[in-house]
Protein backbone atom coordinates (compact mmCIF):
# COMPACT_ATOMS: atom_id res chain seq x y z
CA MET A 1 -9.25 10.26 45.91
CA TYR A 2 -5.66 11.12 46.68
CA THR A 3 -5.01 11.12 50.22
CA GLU A 4 -0.83 10.87 50.55
CA THR A 5 1.23 13.67 51.82
CA LEU A 6 2.49 16.17 48.89
CA PRO A 7 5.98 17.24 48.24
CA PRO A 8 7.27 20.26 50.77
CA ARG A 9 6.69 23.80 49.21
CA SER A 10 8.54 26.93 50.19
CA ASN A 11 6.66 29.79 51.41
CA ARG A 12 8.72 32.25 49.62
CA ALA A 13 8.49 30.79 46.12
CA THR A 14 5.79 30.84 43.32
CA TRP A 15 3.83 27.38 43.36
CA ASN A 16 2.49 26.50 39.83
CA GLU A 17 1.25 22.99 39.67
CA SER A 18 -0.72 20.51 37.23
CA VAL A 19 -2.78 17.85 38.58
CA GLU A 20 -4.10 14.92 36.90
CA CYS A 21 -7.43 13.50 38.38
CA LEU A 22 -7.99 9.72 37.88
CA GLU A 23 -11.35 8.11 37.89
CA ASP A 24 -10.37 4.55 39.37
CA GLU A 25 -7.17 2.64 40.12
CA GLN A 26 -6.71 1.56 36.65
CA GLY A 27 -5.70 5.16 35.79
CA THR A 28 -8.36 6.05 33.77
CA PRO A 29 -8.42 10.15 33.51
CA LEU A 30 -11.32 11.80 35.25
CA ASP A 31 -13.22 13.77 32.45
CA ILE A 32 -13.30 17.39 34.09
CA SER A 33 -14.11 19.00 30.58
CA THR A 34 -17.96 19.96 31.96
CA ALA A 35 -17.00 20.79 35.32
CA THR A 36 -18.39 23.95 36.43
CA GLU A 37 -16.06 24.32 39.58
CA ILE A 38 -12.58 23.10 40.67
CA LEU A 39 -11.53 24.41 44.07
CA VAL A 40 -8.02 24.09 45.34
CA GLU A 41 -7.75 24.96 49.05
CA ILE A 42 -4.84 25.27 51.58
CA ALA A 43 -6.22 25.17 55.16
CA ASP A 44 -5.42 25.35 58.56
CA CYS A 45 -7.72 23.58 61.44
CA GLY A 46 -10.58 24.36 58.80
CA CYS A 47 -9.78 27.96 58.13
CA VAL A 48 -8.83 28.38 54.52
CA ALA A 49 -5.54 29.99 54.16
CA LEU A 50 -5.51 30.14 50.23
CA SER A 51 -7.88 29.03 47.90
CA ALA A 52 -8.01 28.98 43.90
CA ARG A 53 -11.25 28.48 41.83
CA LEU A 54 -12.01 27.64 38.22
CA SER A 55 -14.87 30.08 38.24
CA SER A 56 -12.43 33.01 39.22
CA GLY A 57 -9.92 32.08 36.52
CA GLU A 58 -7.19 30.78 39.12
CA VAL A 59 -7.77 27.35 37.96
CA THR A 60 -7.33 26.27 34.35
CA ARG A 61 -8.41 22.94 32.38
CA SER A 62 -5.84 21.42 29.86
CA ASP A 63 -6.60 19.92 26.99
CA THR A 64 -5.16 16.53 28.26
CA THR A 65 -8.35 14.84 29.85
CA GLY A 66 -8.23 15.12 33.49
CA VAL A 67 -5.51 17.82 34.11
CA PHE A 68 -6.12 21.10 35.64
CA SER A 69 -3.55 23.57 36.59
CA PHE A 70 -3.20 26.35 39.42
CA ALA A 71 -0.80 28.77 40.72
CA PHE A 72 -0.17 30.66 44.08
CA SER A 73 2.28 33.66 43.74
CA ALA A 74 5.30 33.86 46.03
CA ASP A 75 3.35 36.75 47.67
CA GLN A 76 0.40 34.53 48.58
CA MET A 77 2.94 31.53 49.62
CA ARG A 78 4.38 34.14 52.15
CA SER A 79 1.11 34.08 54.16
CA LEU A 80 1.91 30.30 55.02
CA ALA A 81 3.54 29.66 58.27
CA PRO A 82 6.07 26.92 58.32
CA LYS A 83 4.00 23.87 58.97
CA THR A 84 1.90 21.22 57.49
CA TYR A 85 -1.56 22.24 56.07
CA ASP A 86 -4.47 20.37 54.68
CA PHE A 87 -4.73 20.68 50.83
CA ASN A 88 -8.18 20.16 49.42
CA CYS A 89 -9.33 19.68 45.94
CA LEU A 90 -13.03 19.43 45.07
CA ILE A 91 -14.48 19.03 41.46
CA THR A 92 -17.95 19.97 40.51
CA VAL A 93 -19.41 17.92 37.40
CA ASP A 94 -23.08 17.96 36.64
CA GLY A 95 -24.07 19.10 39.85
CA GLU A 96 -22.20 16.36 41.71
CA THR A 97 -19.08 17.39 43.88
CA GLU A 98 -16.32 14.73 44.64
CA GLN A 99 -13.09 15.35 46.51
CA ALA A 100 -10.40 14.60 44.41
CA ILE A 101 -7.48 15.27 46.77
CA ALA A 102 -7.50 15.28 50.58
CA ALA A 103 -3.74 15.35 51.43
CA GLN A 104 -1.16 17.19 53.67
CA LEU A 105 0.94 19.95 52.25
CA PRO A 106 4.21 20.53 54.29
CA ILE A 107 5.47 24.27 53.90
CA ILE A 108 8.92 24.79 54.59
CA ASP A 109 10.51 28.41 55.89
CA GLY A 110 12.20 29.61 52.51
CA ARG A 111 13.64 32.40 54.37
CA ASP A 112 17.44 33.16 53.46
CA ARG A 113 19.92 31.74 55.78
């Protein structure tokens, strides 16, 4: 599970991201080809501010083993106040849910100065 702080993101720009999930410390890619759900959440104090799901088409799997992508539009990102949020990613394969990411996500004020 990845638990570091992610690079800061602007609350005024689209955020497109590809994520590679690794199964172990040797860097073996996690096979997510049969995942029934991949959930990406940005949360504040336990309340979800933004989310994207494989089941609703907001998360897509890559042809590369272990890689998925998601995007939040600039309009969605504008709903986030500048501060640090929880960023979580849960992957469900064969009825088992694993937490792939439990990180901190700094959101910066992207307003024009």
